[in-house]
Amino acid sequence: MTATGGPKTKAAQVADALRAEVRAMKPGERLPTQRELVERFGYAGQTIQNGLAILRAEGVIVSVGNLGNFAAGGEEQGDKPDELTEIRSQIQALAERVAKLESRCDCGA
């Protein structure tokens, strides 16, 4: 559930699914490519990017330029409490809602 009480965003669902996999990976191990993740989840590339961004913000993965995304090492790899992870997911969902609302508004810009 998100902060609004509705279902999780697709990006949060991607992050949740990948988070469990990444925790089982060795530090430095490469994640599947974005194209592979698009095919696997059936979501748009931007949705996959947003899911990966959630994991980067949590320190679960690191991005290395055009080389891809890799499992983070050490304490950063999933050692944060579940509550903090849920709060970050809620913040991400709210940020997406704000961006969507702002795109529909001519609010003085």
Protein backbone atom coordinates (compact mmCIF):
# COMPACT_ATOMS: atom_id res chain seq x y z
CA MET A 1 0.00 0.00 0.00
CA THR A 2 1.13 3.55 -0.69
CA ALA A 3 0.69 6.58 1.54
CA THR A 4 -2.58 7.28 -0.26
CA GLY A 5 -3.94 3.86 0.64
CA GLY A 6 -3.97 2.62 -2.95
CA PRO A 7 -1.90 -0.07 -4.60
CA LYS A 8 1.83 0.40 -5.09
CA THR A 9 3.04 2.07 -8.26
CA LYS A 10 4.48 -0.11 -10.99
CA ALA A 11 7.92 1.36 -10.26
CA ALA A 12 7.58 0.36 -6.59
CA GLN A 13 6.50 -3.13 -7.66
CA VAL A 14 9.61 -3.42 -9.86
CA ALA A 15 11.80 -2.22 -6.98
CA ASP A 16 10.21 -4.71 -4.57
CA ALA A 17 10.71 -7.63 -6.96
CA LEU A 18 14.31 -6.71 -7.73
CA ARG A 19 15.22 -5.90 -4.11
CA ALA A 20 14.74 -9.52 -3.07
CA GLU A 21 16.86 -10.74 -5.99
CA VAL A 22 19.63 -8.22 -5.38
CA ARG A 23 19.93 -9.24 -1.73
CA ALA A 24 20.73 -12.78 -2.92
CA MET A 25 23.41 -11.49 -5.31
CA LYS A 26 27.09 -11.01 -4.58
CA PRO A 27 28.30 -7.40 -4.30
CA GLY A 28 29.29 -6.16 -7.75
CA GLU A 29 27.15 -8.69 -9.59
CA ARG A 30 25.42 -7.15 -12.61
CA LEU A 31 21.64 -6.83 -12.78
CA PRO A 32 19.78 -7.68 -15.99
CA THR A 33 19.75 -4.92 -18.63
CA GLN A 34 16.90 -2.46 -18.79
CA ARG A 35 15.71 -4.12 -22.02
CA GLU A 36 15.63 -7.50 -20.28
CA LEU A 37 13.68 -6.00 -17.37
CA VAL A 38 11.19 -4.35 -19.75
CA GLU A 39 10.55 -7.74 -21.36
CA ARG A 40 10.36 -9.50 -18.01
CA PHE A 41 7.96 -7.10 -16.28
CA GLY A 42 6.08 -5.90 -19.35
CA TYR A 43 6.35 -2.26 -18.23
CA ALA A 44 7.67 0.77 -20.09
CA GLY A 45 11.37 1.60 -19.92
CA GLN A 46 10.70 4.71 -17.83
CA THR A 47 8.84 2.61 -15.26
CA ILE A 48 11.83 0.26 -15.02
CA GLN A 49 14.17 3.25 -14.68
CA ASN A 50 12.01 4.63 -11.87
CA GLY A 51 12.10 1.25 -10.08
CA LEU A 52 15.88 1.13 -10.39
CA ALA A 53 16.08 4.72 -9.11
CA ILE A 54 14.26 3.63 -5.95
CA LEU A 55 16.87 0.91 -5.39
CA ARG A 56 19.73 3.34 -6.07
CA ALA A 57 18.27 5.79 -3.54
CA GLU A 58 18.13 2.99 -0.97
CA GLY A 59 21.75 2.05 -1.66
CA VAL A 60 20.76 -1.45 -2.75
CA ILE A 61 22.26 -1.03 -6.24
CA VAL A 62 24.80 1.23 -7.87
CA SER A 63 24.78 2.46 -11.44
CA VAL A 64 28.04 2.57 -13.37
CA GLY A 65 27.53 4.80 -16.40
CA ASN A 66 26.68 2.84 -19.52
CA LEU A 67 27.92 -0.39 -17.97
CA GLY A 68 24.68 -1.06 -16.11
CA ASN A 69 23.44 -1.54 -12.58
CA PHE A 70 25.21 -3.66 -10.00
CA ALA A 71 24.44 -5.06 -6.56
CA ALA A 72 25.86 -2.79 -3.88
CA GLY A 73 28.21 -4.24 -1.33
CA GLY A 74 28.62 -4.11 2.40
CA GLU A 75 26.10 -2.59 4.77
CA GLU A 76 24.34 -0.68 2.01
CA GLN A 77 22.95 -3.87 0.52
CA GLY A 78 19.51 -4.13 2.04
CA ASP A 79 20.46 -3.66 5.68
CA LYS A 80 17.96 -0.82 6.12
CA PRO A 81 14.83 -1.55 8.13
CA ASP A 82 11.68 -2.47 6.23
CA GLU A 83 9.95 0.60 7.64
CA LEU A 84 12.46 2.93 6.00
CA THR A 85 12.09 1.07 2.71
CA GLU A 86 8.31 1.47 2.88
CA ILE A 87 8.60 5.19 3.66
CA ARG A 88 10.88 5.69 0.65
CA SER A 89 8.39 3.84 -1.55
CA GLN A 90 5.63 6.10 -0.27
CA ILE A 91 7.70 9.22 -0.96
CA GLN A 92 8.39 7.97 -4.48
CA ALA A 93 4.67 7.38 -5.07
CA LEU A 94 3.83 10.87 -3.80
CA ALA A 95 6.54 12.43 -5.98
CA GLU A 96 5.07 10.66 -9.01
CA ARG A 97 1.59 11.95 -8.15
CA VAL A 98 2.88 15.51 -7.76
CA ALA A 99 4.67 15.34 -11.10
CA LYS A 100 1.52 14.02 -12.77
CA LEU A 101 -0.60 16.80 -11.25
CA GLU A 102 1.94 19.46 -12.20
CA SER A 103 1.97 18.25 -15.79
CA ARG A 104 -1.81 18.83 -16.00
CA CYS A 105 -1.67 22.31 -14.51
CA ASP A 106 -0.67 25.70 -15.96
CA CYS A 107 0.23 26.73 -12.43
CA GLY A 108 2.03 30.01 -13.15
CA ALA A 109 4.94 28.48 -14.98
